[in-house]
Amino acid sequence: MGFAHQIDIFIPYLGVKYLNAKSKI
């Protein structure tokens, strides 16, 4: 259960980092 919860947070976190990187370029 803890692992699934981490994935749930990690996926949107990656998306935010990706969007931030795109907006910087």
PDB file of N, CA and C in Angstrom:
ATOM      1  N   MET A   1       0.845  -1.197   0.000  1.00  0.00           N
ATOM      2  CA  MET A   1       0.000   0.000   0.000  1.00  0.00           C
ATOM      3  C   MET A   1       0.882   1.249   0.000  1.00  0.00           C
ATOM      4  N   GLY A   2       1.944   1.213   0.799  1.00  0.00           N
ATOM      5  CA  GLY A   2       2.840   2.364   0.851  1.00  0.00           C
ATOM      6  C   GLY A   2       3.507   2.623  -0.498  1.00  0.00           C
ATOM      7  N   PHE A   3       3.854   1.523  -1.198  1.00  0.00           N
ATOM      8  CA  PHE A   3       4.515   1.653  -2.495  1.00  0.00           C
ATOM      9  C   PHE A   3       3.588   2.291  -3.521  1.00  0.00           C
ATOM     10  N   ALA A   4       2.348   1.841  -3.544  1.00  0.00           N
ATOM     11  CA  ALA A   4       1.369   2.386  -4.493  1.00  0.00           C
ATOM     12  C   ALA A   4       1.143   3.871  -4.207  1.00  0.00           C
ATOM     13  N   HIS A   5       1.172   4.231  -2.937  1.00  0.00           N
ATOM     14  CA  HIS A   5       0.972   5.633  -2.561  1.00  0.00           C
ATOM     15  C   HIS A   5       2.146   6.475  -3.044  1.00  0.00           C
ATOM     16  N   GLN A   6       3.348   5.916  -2.966  1.00  0.00           N
ATOM     17  CA  GLN A   6       4.534   6.641  -3.433  1.00  0.00           C
ATOM     18  C   GLN A   6       4.457   6.866  -4.933  1.00  0.00           C
ATOM     19  N   ILE A   7       4.024   5.850  -5.675  1.00  0.00           N
ATOM     20  CA  ILE A   7       3.887   5.967  -7.132  1.00  0.00           C
ATOM     21  C   ILE A   7       2.874   7.067  -7.446  1.00  0.00           C
ATOM     22  N   ASP A   8       1.790   7.099  -6.681  1.00  0.00           N
ATOM     23  CA  ASP A   8       0.719   8.078  -6.889  1.00  0.00           C
ATOM     24  C   ASP A   8       1.251   9.501  -6.765  1.00  0.00           C
ATOM     25  N   ILE A   9       2.239   9.693  -5.896  1.00  0.00           N
ATOM     26  CA  ILE A   9       2.828  11.025  -5.709  1.00  0.00           C
ATOM     27  C   ILE A   9       3.943  11.266  -6.718  1.00  0.00           C
ATOM     28  N   PHE A  10       4.687  10.191  -7.041  1.00  0.00           N
ATOM     29  CA  PHE A  10       5.872  10.301  -7.886  1.00  0.00           C
ATOM     30  C   PHE A  10       5.518  10.642  -9.334  1.00  0.00           C
ATOM     31  N   ILE A  11       4.449  10.058  -9.853  1.00  0.00           N
ATOM     32  CA  ILE A  11       4.067  10.296 -11.256  1.00  0.00           C
ATOM     33  C   ILE A  11       3.736  11.776 -11.502  1.00  0.00           C
ATOM     34  N   PRO A  12       2.854  12.394 -10.714  1.00  0.00           N
ATOM     35  CA  PRO A  12       2.562  13.824 -10.912  1.00  0.00           C
ATOM     36  C   PRO A  12       3.807  14.680 -10.688  1.00  0.00           C
ATOM     37  N   TYR A  13       4.683  14.255  -9.788  1.00  0.00           N
ATOM     38  CA  TYR A  13       5.916  15.004  -9.512  1.00  0.00           C
ATOM     39  C   TYR A  13       6.795  15.033 -10.750  1.00  0.00           C
ATOM     40  N   LEU A  14       6.886  13.901 -11.437  1.00  0.00           N
ATOM     41  CA  LEU A  14       7.666  13.842 -12.679  1.00  0.00           C
ATOM     42  C   LEU A  14       7.036  14.744 -13.724  1.00  0.00           C
ATOM     43  N   GLY A  15       5.717  14.752 -13.786  1.00  0.00           N
ATOM     44  CA  GLY A  15       5.008  15.588 -14.752  1.00  0.00           C
ATOM     45  C   GLY A  15       5.289  17.064 -14.518  1.00  0.00           C
ATOM     46  N   VAL A  16       5.331  17.470 -13.260  1.00  0.00           N
ATOM     47  CA  VAL A  16       5.604  18.872 -12.923  1.00  0.00           C
ATOM     48  C   VAL A  16       7.025  19.238 -13.327  1.00  0.00           C
ATOM     49  N   LYS A  17       7.985  18.347 -13.035  1.00  0.00           N
ATOM     50  CA  LYS A  17       9.376  18.612 -13.404  1.00  0.00           C
ATOM     51  C   LYS A  17       9.510  18.715 -14.914  1.00  0.00           C
ATOM     52  N   TYR A  18       8.776  17.872 -15.632  1.00  0.00           N
ATOM     53  CA  TYR A  18       8.819  17.886 -17.092  1.00  0.00           C
ATOM     54  C   TYR A  18       8.266  19.196 -17.640  1.00  0.00           C
ATOM     55  N   LEU A  19       7.158  19.638 -17.084  1.00  0.00           N
ATOM     56  CA  LEU A  19       6.540  20.885 -17.543  1.00  0.00           C
ATOM     57  C   LEU A  19       7.452  22.072 -17.226  1.00  0.00           C
ATOM     58  N   ASN A  20       8.092  22.044 -16.060  1.00  0.00           N
ATOM     59  CA  ASN A  20       9.008  23.128 -15.685  1.00  0.00           C
ATOM     60  C   ASN A  20      10.177  23.186 -16.647  1.00  0.00           C
ATOM     61  N   ALA A  21      10.708  22.032 -17.026  1.00  0.00           N
ATOM     62  CA  ALA A  21      11.840  21.984 -17.943  1.00  0.00           C
ATOM     63  C   ALA A  21      11.428  22.510 -19.321  1.00  0.00           C
ATOM     64  N   LYS A  22      10.212  22.170 -19.748  1.00  0.00           N
ATOM     65  CA  LYS A  22       9.722  22.617 -21.049  1.00  0.00           C
ATOM     66  C   LYS A  22       9.535  24.128 -21.079  1.00  0.00           C
ATOM     67  N   SER A  23       9.024  24.689 -20.007  1.00  0.00           N
ATOM     68  CA  SER A  23       8.741  26.130 -19.981  1.00  0.00           C
ATOM     69  C   SER A  23      10.032  26.944 -19.912  1.00  0.00           C
ATOM     70  N   LYS A  24      11.121  26.334 -19.428  1.00  0.00           N
ATOM     71  CA  LYS A  24      12.387  27.057 -19.312  1.00  0.00           C
ATOM     72  C   LYS A  24      13.047  27.217 -20.670  1.00  0.00           C
ATOM     73  N   ILE A  25      12.816  26.269 -21.542  1.00  0.00           N
ATOM     74  CA  ILE A  25      13.460  26.301 -22.869  1.00  0.00           C
ATOM     75  C   ILE A  25      12.726  27.286 -23.780  1.00  0.00           C
TER      76      ILE A  25
END
